[in-house]
PDB file of all heavy atoms in Angstrom:
ATOM      1  N   VAL A   1       0.838  -1.205   0.000  1.00  0.00           N
ATOM      2  CA  VAL A   1       0.000   0.000   0.000  1.00  0.00           C
ATOM      3  C   VAL A   1       0.871   1.252   0.000  1.00  0.00           C
ATOM      4  O   VAL A   1       0.637   2.194  -0.778  1.00  0.00           O
ATOM      5  CB  VAL A   1      -0.947  -0.005   1.212  1.00  0.00           C
ATOM      6  CG1 VAL A   1      -1.642   1.343   1.348  1.00  0.00           C
ATOM      7  CG2 VAL A   1      -1.986  -1.115   1.076  1.00  0.00           C
ATOM      8  N   LEU A   2       1.884   1.283   0.851  1.00  0.00           N
ATOM      9  CA  LEU A   2       2.746   2.464   0.954  1.00  0.00           C
ATOM     10  C   LEU A   2       3.508   2.713  -0.344  1.00  0.00           C
ATOM     11  O   LEU A   2       3.569   3.853  -0.837  1.00  0.00           O
ATOM     12  CB  LEU A   2       3.722   2.282   2.116  1.00  0.00           C
ATOM     13  CG  LEU A   2       4.647   3.465   2.417  1.00  0.00           C
ATOM     14  CD1 LEU A   2       3.834   4.715   2.754  1.00  0.00           C
ATOM     15  CD2 LEU A   2       5.589   3.128   3.570  1.00  0.00           C
ATOM     16  N   ILE A   3       4.068   1.671  -0.931  1.00  0.00           N
ATOM     17  CA  ILE A   3       4.849   1.826  -2.158  1.00  0.00           C
ATOM     18  C   ILE A   3       3.939   2.210  -3.325  1.00  0.00           C
ATOM     19  O   ILE A   3       4.295   3.062  -4.150  1.00  0.00           O
ATOM     20  CB  ILE A   3       5.621   0.528  -2.455  1.00  0.00           C
ATOM     21  CG1 ILE A   3       6.713   0.329  -1.406  1.00  0.00           C
ATOM     22  CG2 ILE A   3       6.224   0.556  -3.855  1.00  0.00           C
ATOM     23  CD1 ILE A   3       7.360  -1.037  -1.432  1.00  0.00           C
ATOM     24  N   THR A   4       2.756   1.620  -3.387  1.00  0.00           N
ATOM     25  CA  THR A   4       1.820   1.955  -4.469  1.00  0.00           C
ATOM     26  C   THR A   4       1.362   3.401  -4.369  1.00  0.00           C
ATOM     27  O   THR A   4       1.350   4.131  -5.371  1.00  0.00           O
ATOM     28  CB  THR A   4       0.608   1.014  -4.432  1.00  0.00           C
ATOM     29  OG1 THR A   4       1.059  -0.338  -4.570  1.00  0.00           O
ATOM     30  CG2 THR A   4      -0.355   1.338  -5.559  1.00  0.00           C
ATOM     31  N   LEU A   5       0.984   3.840  -3.178  1.00  0.00           N
ATOM     32  CA  LEU A   5       0.554   5.231  -3.009  1.00  0.00           C
ATOM     33  C   LEU A   5       1.700   6.201  -3.282  1.00  0.00           C
ATOM     34  O   LEU A   5       1.499   7.250  -3.910  1.00  0.00           O
ATOM     35  CB  LEU A   5       0.020   5.437  -1.591  1.00  0.00           C
ATOM     36  CG  LEU A   5      -1.309   4.750  -1.258  1.00  0.00           C
ATOM     37  CD1 LEU A   5      -1.694   5.009   0.198  1.00  0.00           C
ATOM     38  CD2 LEU A   5      -2.420   5.244  -2.175  1.00  0.00           C
ATOM     39  N   GLY A   6       2.892   5.857  -2.832  1.00  0.00           N
ATOM     40  CA  GLY A   6       4.041   6.717  -3.095  1.00  0.00           C
ATOM     41  C   GLY A   6       4.329   6.854  -4.576  1.00  0.00           C
ATOM     42  O   GLY A   6       4.654   7.948  -5.065  1.00  0.00           O
ATOM     43  N   THR A   7       4.204   5.752  -5.310  1.00  0.00           N
ATOM     44  CA  THR A   7       4.424   5.797  -6.759  1.00  0.00           C
ATOM     45  C   THR A   7       3.352   6.625  -7.453  1.00  0.00           C
ATOM     46  O   THR A   7       3.648   7.411  -8.363  1.00  0.00           O
ATOM     47  CB  THR A   7       4.451   4.373  -7.330  1.00  0.00           C
ATOM     48  OG1 THR A   7       5.448   3.601  -6.653  1.00  0.00           O
ATOM     49  CG2 THR A   7       4.766   4.392  -8.815  1.00  0.00           C
ATOM     50  N   LEU A   8       2.102   6.470  -7.032  1.00  0.00           N
ATOM     51  CA  LEU A   8       1.008   7.244  -7.636  1.00  0.00           C
ATOM     52  C   LEU A   8       1.203   8.737  -7.407  1.00  0.00           C
ATOM     53  O   LEU A   8       1.069   9.544  -8.345  1.00  0.00           O
ATOM     54  CB  LEU A   8      -0.326   6.793  -7.042  1.00  0.00           C
ATOM     55  CG  LEU A   8      -0.857   5.432  -7.505  1.00  0.00           C
ATOM     56  CD1 LEU A   8      -2.050   5.010  -6.652  1.00  0.00           C
ATOM     57  CD2 LEU A   8      -1.270   5.486  -8.964  1.00  0.00           C
ATOM     58  N   VAL A   9       1.522   9.115  -6.180  1.00  0.00           N
ATOM     59  CA  VAL A   9       1.720  10.537  -5.881  1.00  0.00           C
ATOM     60  C   VAL A   9       2.938  11.076  -6.620  1.00  0.00           C
ATOM     61  O   VAL A   9       2.906  12.175  -7.195  1.00  0.00           O
ATOM     62  CB  VAL A   9       1.872  10.741  -4.359  1.00  0.00           C
ATOM     63  CG1 VAL A   9       2.257  12.180  -4.037  1.00  0.00           C
ATOM     64  CG2 VAL A   9       0.572  10.378  -3.642  1.00  0.00           C
ATOM     65  N   GLY A  10       4.029  10.305  -6.634  1.00  0.00           N
ATOM     66  CA  GLY A  10       5.235  10.746  -7.322  1.00  0.00           C
ATOM     67  C   GLY A  10       5.016  10.924  -8.810  1.00  0.00           C
ATOM     68  O   GLY A  10       5.468  11.918  -9.402  1.00  0.00           O
ATOM     69  N   GLN A  11       4.309   9.998  -9.442  1.00  0.00           N
ATOM     70  CA  GLN A  11       4.027  10.137 -10.872  1.00  0.00           C
ATOM     71  C   GLN A  11       3.169  11.362 -11.150  1.00  0.00           C
ATOM     72  O   GLN A  11       3.372  12.060 -12.151  1.00  0.00           O
ATOM     73  CB  GLN A  11       3.323   8.880 -11.391  1.00  0.00           C
ATOM     74  CG  GLN A  11       4.268   7.740 -11.691  1.00  0.00           C
ATOM     75  CD  GLN A  11       3.619   6.672 -12.564  1.00  0.00           C
ATOM     76  OE1 GLN A  11       2.553   6.867 -13.130  1.00  0.00           O
ATOM     77  NE2 GLN A  11       4.279   5.532 -12.672  1.00  0.00           N
ATOM     78  N   ALA A  12       2.193  11.624 -10.294  1.00  0.00           N
ATOM     79  CA  ALA A  12       1.350  12.804 -10.503  1.00  0.00           C
ATOM     80  C   ALA A  12       2.177  14.084 -10.401  1.00  0.00           C
ATOM     81  O   ALA A  12       2.017  15.000 -11.224  1.00  0.00           O
ATOM     82  CB  ALA A  12       0.214  12.822  -9.476  1.00  0.00           C
ATOM     83  N   LEU A  13       3.064  14.164  -9.420  1.00  0.00           N
ATOM     84  CA  LEU A  13       3.872  15.368  -9.233  1.00  0.00           C
ATOM     85  C   LEU A  13       4.842  15.597 -10.384  1.00  0.00           C
ATOM     86  O   LEU A  13       5.202  16.746 -10.680  1.00  0.00           O
ATOM     87  CB  LEU A  13       4.636  15.276  -7.912  1.00  0.00           C
ATOM     88  CG  LEU A  13       3.784  15.301  -6.635  1.00  0.00           C
ATOM     89  CD1 LEU A  13       4.656  15.112  -5.406  1.00  0.00           C
ATOM     90  CD2 LEU A  13       3.006  16.613  -6.534  1.00  0.00           C
ATOM     91  N   VAL A  14       5.279  14.534 -11.037  1.00  0.00           N
ATOM     92  CA  VAL A  14       6.238  14.665 -12.135  1.00  0.00           C
ATOM     93  C   VAL A  14       5.526  14.779 -13.480  1.00  0.00           C
ATOM     94  O   VAL A  14       5.833  15.653 -14.298  1.00  0.00           O
ATOM     95  CB  VAL A  14       7.213  13.467 -12.150  1.00  0.00           C
ATOM     96  CG1 VAL A  14       8.083  13.491 -13.408  1.00  0.00           C
ATOM     97  CG2 VAL A  14       8.084  13.486 -10.901  1.00  0.00           C
ATOM     98  N   ALA A  15       4.550  13.908 -13.732  1.00  0.00           N
ATOM     99  CA  ALA A  15       3.948  13.810 -15.066  1.00  0.00           C
ATOM    100  C   ALA A  15       3.059  15.003 -15.396  1.00  0.00           C
ATOM    101  O   ALA A  15       3.056  15.477 -16.539  1.00  0.00           O
ATOM    102  CB  ALA A  15       3.148  12.515 -15.178  1.00  0.00           C
ATOM    103  N   ILE A  16       2.296  15.502 -14.418  1.00  0.00           N
ATOM    104  CA  ILE A  16       1.348  16.581 -14.718  1.00  0.00           C
ATOM    105  C   ILE A  16       2.072  17.855 -15.162  1.00  0.00           C
ATOM    106  O   ILE A  16       1.762  18.394 -16.239  1.00  0.00           O
ATOM    107  CB  ILE A  16       0.423  16.834 -13.519  1.00  0.00           C
ATOM    108  CG1 ILE A  16      -0.522  15.643 -13.333  1.00  0.00           C
ATOM    109  CG2 ILE A  16      -0.387  18.115 -13.715  1.00  0.00           C
ATOM    110  CD1 ILE A  16      -1.357  15.705 -12.073  1.00  0.00           C
ATOM    111  N   PRO A  17       3.025  18.398 -14.400  1.00  0.00           N
ATOM    112  CA  PRO A  17       3.708  19.608 -14.887  1.00  0.00           C
ATOM    113  C   PRO A  17       4.550  19.363 -16.141  1.00  0.00           C
ATOM    114  O   PRO A  17       4.648  20.243 -17.005  1.00  0.00           O
ATOM    115  CB  PRO A  17       4.588  20.028 -13.699  1.00  0.00           C
ATOM    116  CG  PRO A  17       4.706  18.824 -12.851  1.00  0.00           C
ATOM    117  CD  PRO A  17       3.453  18.047 -13.038  1.00  0.00           C
ATOM    118  N   ALA A  18       5.143  18.160 -16.261  1.00  0.00           N
ATOM    119  CA  ALA A  18       5.931  17.866 -17.465  1.00  0.00           C
ATOM    120  C   ALA A  18       5.032  17.837 -18.699  1.00  0.00           C
ATOM    121  O   ALA A  18       5.373  18.413 -19.744  1.00  0.00           O
ATOM    122  CB  ALA A  18       6.654  16.530 -17.297  1.00  0.00           C
ATOM    123  N   ALA A  19       3.882  17.174 -18.593  1.00  0.00           N
ATOM    124  CA  ALA A  19       2.955  17.121 -19.725  1.00  0.00           C
ATOM    125  C   ALA A  19       2.417  18.499 -20.065  1.00  0.00           C
ATOM    126  O   ALA A  19       2.258  18.843 -21.250  1.00  0.00           O
ATOM    127  CB  ALA A  19       1.805  16.170 -19.397  1.00  0.00           C
ATOM    128  N   TYR A  20       2.149  19.311 -19.057  1.00  0.00           N
ATOM    129  CA  TYR A  20       1.660  20.680 -19.297  1.00  0.00           C
ATOM    130  C   TYR A  20       2.715  21.501 -20.026  1.00  0.00           C
ATOM    131  O   TYR A  20       2.404  22.267 -20.954  1.00  0.00           O
ATOM    132  CB  TYR A  20       1.294  21.332 -17.970  1.00  0.00           C
ATOM    133  CG  TYR A  20       0.802  22.749 -18.095  1.00  0.00           C
ATOM    134  CD1 TYR A  20      -0.442  23.026 -18.654  1.00  0.00           C
ATOM    135  CD2 TYR A  20       1.573  23.821 -17.651  1.00  0.00           C
ATOM    136  CE1 TYR A  20      -0.899  24.328 -18.774  1.00  0.00           C
ATOM    137  CE2 TYR A  20       1.122  25.118 -17.764  1.00  0.00           C
ATOM    138  CZ  TYR A  20      -0.109  25.362 -18.324  1.00  0.00           C
ATOM    139  OH  TYR A  20      -0.564  26.664 -18.443  1.00  0.00           O
ATOM    140  N   GLY A  21       3.966  21.363 -19.626  1.00  0.00           N
ATOM    141  CA  GLY A  21       5.040  22.090 -20.292  1.00  0.00           C
ATOM    142  C   GLY A  21       5.202  21.678 -21.744  1.00  0.00           C
ATOM    143  O   GLY A  21       5.355  22.530 -22.634  1.00  0.00           O
ATOM    144  N   PHE A  22       5.172  20.366 -22.015  1.00  0.00           N
ATOM    145  CA  PHE A  22       5.292  19.896 -23.394  1.00  0.00           C
ATOM    146  C   PHE A  22       4.091  20.296 -24.247  1.00  0.00           C
ATOM    147  O   PHE A  22       4.215  20.510 -25.452  1.00  0.00           O
ATOM    148  CB  PHE A  22       5.448  18.371 -23.422  1.00  0.00           C
ATOM    149  CG  PHE A  22       6.833  17.899 -23.080  1.00  0.00           C
ATOM    150  CD1 PHE A  22       7.042  17.008 -22.037  1.00  0.00           C
ATOM    151  CD2 PHE A  22       7.930  18.332 -23.799  1.00  0.00           C
ATOM    152  CE1 PHE A  22       8.316  16.565 -21.716  1.00  0.00           C
ATOM    153  CE2 PHE A  22       9.210  17.897 -23.495  1.00  0.00           C
ATOM    154  CZ  PHE A  22       9.401  17.011 -22.447  1.00  0.00           C
ATOM    155  N   ALA A  23       2.912  20.390 -23.624  1.00  0.00           N
ATOM    156  CA  ALA A  23       1.700  20.676 -24.387  1.00  0.00           C
ATOM    157  C   ALA A  23       1.502  22.161 -24.650  1.00  0.00           C
ATOM    158  O   ALA A  23       0.963  22.542 -25.698  1.00  0.00           O
ATOM    159  CB  ALA A  23       0.481  20.117 -23.658  1.00  0.00           C
ATOM    160  N   ARG A  24       1.934  23.032 -23.731  1.00  0.00           N
ATOM    161  CA  ARG A  24       1.545  24.436 -23.797  1.00  0.00           C
ATOM    162  C   ARG A  24       2.693  25.436 -23.889  1.00  0.00           C
ATOM    163  O   ARG A  24       2.448  26.636 -23.997  1.00  0.00           O
ATOM    164  CB  ARG A  24       0.700  24.775 -22.553  1.00  0.00           C
ATOM    165  CG  ARG A  24      -0.661  24.080 -22.562  1.00  0.00           C
ATOM    166  CD  ARG A  24      -1.450  24.524 -23.764  1.00  0.00           C
ATOM    167  NE  ARG A  24      -2.720  23.812 -23.898  1.00  0.00           N
ATOM    168  CZ  ARG A  24      -3.607  24.052 -24.835  1.00  0.00           C
ATOM    169  NH1 ARG A  24      -3.348  24.985 -25.744  1.00  0.00           N
ATOM    170  NH2 ARG A  24      -4.735  23.373 -24.911  1.00  0.00           N
ATOM    171  N   TYR A  25       3.922  24.964 -23.846  1.00  0.00           N
ATOM    172  CA  TYR A  25       5.053  25.892 -23.917  1.00  0.00           C
ATOM    173  C   TYR A  25       5.900  25.587 -25.147  1.00  0.00           C
ATOM    174  O   TYR A  25       6.064  24.430 -25.534  1.00  0.00           O
ATOM    175  CB  TYR A  25       5.908  25.792 -22.655  1.00  0.00           C
ATOM    176  CG  TYR A  25       5.337  26.533 -21.470  1.00  0.00           C
ATOM    177  CD1 TYR A  25       4.500  25.890 -20.566  1.00  0.00           C
ATOM    178  CD2 TYR A  25       5.618  27.880 -21.273  1.00  0.00           C
ATOM    179  CE1 TYR A  25       3.970  26.552 -19.488  1.00  0.00           C
ATOM    180  CE2 TYR A  25       5.100  28.564 -20.184  1.00  0.00           C
ATOM    181  CZ  TYR A  25       4.272  27.897 -19.309  1.00  0.00           C
ATOM    182  OH  TYR A  25       3.733  28.572 -18.239  1.00  0.00           O
ATOM    183  N   ARG A  26       6.424  26.643 -25.735  1.00  0.00           N
ATOM    184  CA  ARG A  26       7.353  26.519 -26.850  1.00  0.00           C
ATOM    185  C   ARG A  26       8.744  26.869 -26.353  1.00  0.00           C
ATOM    186  O   ARG A  26       8.982  27.983 -25.881  1.00  0.00           O
ATOM    187  CB  ARG A  26       6.971  27.479 -27.979  1.00  0.00           C
ATOM    188  CG  ARG A  26       5.549  27.299 -28.504  1.00  0.00           C
ATOM    189  CD  ARG A  26       5.449  26.119 -29.432  1.00  0.00           C
ATOM    190  NE  ARG A  26       4.091  25.978 -29.962  1.00  0.00           N
ATOM    191  CZ  ARG A  26       3.732  25.007 -30.784  1.00  0.00           C
ATOM    192  NH1 ARG A  26       4.648  24.123 -31.176  1.00  0.00           N
ATOM    193  NH2 ARG A  26       2.486  24.921 -31.209  1.00  0.00           N
ATOM    194  N   PHE A  27       9.660  25.951 -26.428  1.00  0.00           N
ATOM    195  CA  PHE A  27      11.022  26.219 -25.990  1.00  0.00           C
ATOM    196  C   PHE A  27      11.985  25.396 -26.837  1.00  0.00           C
ATOM    197  O   PHE A  27      11.606  24.397 -27.459  1.00  0.00           O
ATOM    198  CB  PHE A  27      11.206  25.903 -24.497  1.00  0.00           C
ATOM    199  CG  PHE A  27      10.797  24.508 -24.100  1.00  0.00           C
ATOM    200  CD1 PHE A  27      11.696  23.453 -24.164  1.00  0.00           C
ATOM    201  CD2 PHE A  27       9.501  24.249 -23.666  1.00  0.00           C
ATOM    202  CE1 PHE A  27      11.329  22.180 -23.797  1.00  0.00           C
ATOM    203  CE2 PHE A  27       9.118  22.977 -23.296  1.00  0.00           C
ATOM    204  CZ  PHE A  27      10.030  21.943 -23.358  1.00  0.00           C
ATOM    205  N   LYS A  28      13.208  25.811 -26.858  1.00  0.00           N
ATOM    206  CA  LYS A  28      14.226  25.178 -27.684  1.00  0.00           C
ATOM    207  C   LYS A  28      14.483  23.744 -27.206  1.00  0.00           C
ATOM    208  O   LYS A  28      14.695  23.503 -26.018  1.00  0.00           O
ATOM    209  CB  LYS A  28      15.517  25.990 -27.634  1.00  0.00           C
ATOM    210  CG  LYS A  28      16.589  25.502 -28.602  1.00  0.00           C
ATOM    211  CD  LYS A  28      17.808  26.411 -28.578  1.00  0.00           C
ATOM    212  CE  LYS A  28      18.869  25.934 -29.566  1.00  0.00           C
ATOM    213  NZ  LYS A  28      20.066  26.820 -29.562  1.00  0.00           N
ATOM    214  N   GLY A  29      14.465  22.828 -28.127  1.00  0.00           N
ATOM    215  CA  GLY A  29      14.724  21.425 -27.805  1.00  0.00           C
ATOM    216  C   GLY A  29      13.512  20.678 -27.282  1.00  0.00           C
ATOM    217  O   GLY A  29      13.655  19.545 -26.808  1.00  0.00           O
ATOM    218  N   ARG A  30      12.325  21.287 -27.390  1.00  0.00           N
ATOM    219  CA  ARG A  30      11.132  20.633 -26.854  1.00  0.00           C
ATOM    220  C   ARG A  30      10.877  19.289 -27.526  1.00  0.00           C
ATOM    221  O   ARG A  30      10.634  18.276 -26.857  1.00  0.00           O
ATOM    222  CB  ARG A  30       9.915  21.542 -27.020  1.00  0.00           C
ATOM    223  CG  ARG A  30       8.656  20.977 -26.358  1.00  0.00           C
ATOM    224  CD  ARG A  30       7.434  21.810 -26.668  1.00  0.00           C
ATOM    225  NE  ARG A  30       7.050  21.711 -28.085  1.00  0.00           N
ATOM    226  CZ  ARG A  30       5.854  22.065 -28.550  1.00  0.00           C
ATOM    227  NH1 ARG A  30       4.934  22.550 -27.717  1.00  0.00           N
ATOM    228  NH2 ARG A  30       5.568  21.958 -29.833  1.00  0.00           N
ATOM    229  N   ASN A  31      10.921  19.273 -28.847  1.00  0.00           N
ATOM    230  CA  ASN A  31      10.640  18.034 -29.570  1.00  0.00           C
ATOM    231  C   ASN A  31      11.683  16.953 -29.281  1.00  0.00           C
ATOM    232  O   ASN A  31      11.363  15.766 -29.183  1.00  0.00           O
ATOM    233  CB  ASN A  31      10.572  18.309 -31.074  1.00  0.00           C
ATOM    234  CG  ASN A  31       9.382  19.180 -31.444  1.00  0.00           C
ATOM    235  OD1 ASN A  31       8.381  19.219 -30.736  1.00  0.00           O
ATOM    236  ND2 ASN A  31       9.515  19.906 -32.546  1.00  0.00           N
ATOM    237  N   THR A  32      12.935  17.382 -29.134  1.00  0.00           N
ATOM    238  CA  THR A  32      13.986  16.414 -28.822  1.00  0.00           C
ATOM    239  C   THR A  32      13.771  15.804 -27.442  1.00  0.00           C
ATOM    240  O   THR A  32      13.879  14.576 -27.260  1.00  0.00           O
ATOM    241  CB  THR A  32      15.367  17.089 -28.878  1.00  0.00           C
ATOM    242  OG1 THR A  32      15.572  17.632 -30.192  1.00  0.00           O
ATOM    243  CG2 THR A  32      16.465  16.091 -28.572  1.00  0.00           C
ATOM    244  N   LEU A  33      13.458  16.654 -26.475  1.00  0.00           N
ATOM    245  CA  LEU A  33      13.213  16.153 -25.124  1.00  0.00           C
ATOM    246  C   LEU A  33      12.001  15.229 -25.085  1.00  0.00           C
ATOM    247  O   LEU A  33      12.018  14.192 -24.419  1.00  0.00           O
ATOM    248  CB  LEU A  33      13.018  17.327 -24.157  1.00  0.00           C
ATOM    249  CG  LEU A  33      14.260  18.159 -23.843  1.00  0.00           C
ATOM    250  CD1 LEU A  33      13.886  19.348 -22.965  1.00  0.00           C
ATOM    251  CD2 LEU A  33      15.309  17.296 -23.147  1.00  0.00           C
ATOM    252  N   PHE A  34      10.965  15.618 -25.815  1.00  0.00           N
ATOM    253  CA  PHE A  34       9.779  14.774 -25.822  1.00  0.00           C
ATOM    254  C   PHE A  34      10.070  13.441 -26.511  1.00  0.00           C
ATOM    255  O   PHE A  34       9.543  12.394 -26.111  1.00  0.00           O
ATOM    256  CB  PHE A  34       8.621  15.485 -26.526  1.00  0.00           C
ATOM    257  CG  PHE A  34       7.319  14.753 -26.428  1.00  0.00           C
ATOM    258  CD1 PHE A  34       6.690  14.587 -25.203  1.00  0.00           C
ATOM    259  CD2 PHE A  34       6.719  14.230 -27.563  1.00  0.00           C
ATOM    260  CE1 PHE A  34       5.487  13.904 -25.105  1.00  0.00           C
ATOM    261  CE2 PHE A  34       5.519  13.546 -27.482  1.00  0.00           C
ATOM    262  CZ  PHE A  34       4.903  13.379 -26.247  1.00  0.00           C
ATOM    263  N   GLY A  35      10.903  13.475 -27.534  1.00  0.00           N
ATOM    264  CA  GLY A  35      11.319  12.232 -28.181  1.00  0.00           C
ATOM    265  C   GLY A  35      12.071  11.320 -27.214  1.00  0.00           C
ATOM    266  O   GLY A  35      11.894  10.098 -27.233  1.00  0.00           O
ATOM    267  N   LEU A  36      12.904  11.911 -26.361  1.00  0.00           N
ATOM    268  CA  LEU A  36      13.618  11.123 -25.351  1.00  0.00           C
ATOM    269  C   LEU A  36      12.641  10.511 -24.353  1.00  0.00           C
ATOM    270  O   LEU A  36      12.820   9.378 -23.901  1.00  0.00           O
ATOM    271  CB  LEU A  36      14.646  11.998 -24.631  1.00  0.00           C
ATOM    272  CG  LEU A  36      15.836  12.455 -25.464  1.00  0.00           C
ATOM    273  CD1 LEU A  36      16.714  13.404 -24.654  1.00  0.00           C
ATOM    274  CD2 LEU A  36      16.657  11.259 -25.944  1.00  0.00           C
ATOM    275  N   VAL A  37      11.606  11.287 -23.997  1.00  0.00           N
ATOM    276  CA  VAL A  37      10.583  10.759 -23.084  1.00  0.00           C
ATOM    277  C   VAL A  37       9.903   9.545 -23.707  1.00  0.00           C
ATOM    278  O   VAL A  37       9.699   8.519 -23.052  1.00  0.00           O
ATOM    279  CB  VAL A  37       9.542  11.851 -22.745  1.00  0.00           C
ATOM    280  CG1 VAL A  37       8.352  11.242 -22.012  1.00  0.00           C
ATOM    281  CG2 VAL A  37      10.183  12.940 -21.898  1.00  0.00           C
TER     282      VAL A  37
END
């Protein structure tokens, strides 16, 4: 339970702002970074 909840919270904290940045911001190397993802 602890490891599952920790993974869920950690993924939300990382994936949500990262996805928002890739979706709504234009910056140099965006496509390359997204390709690495």
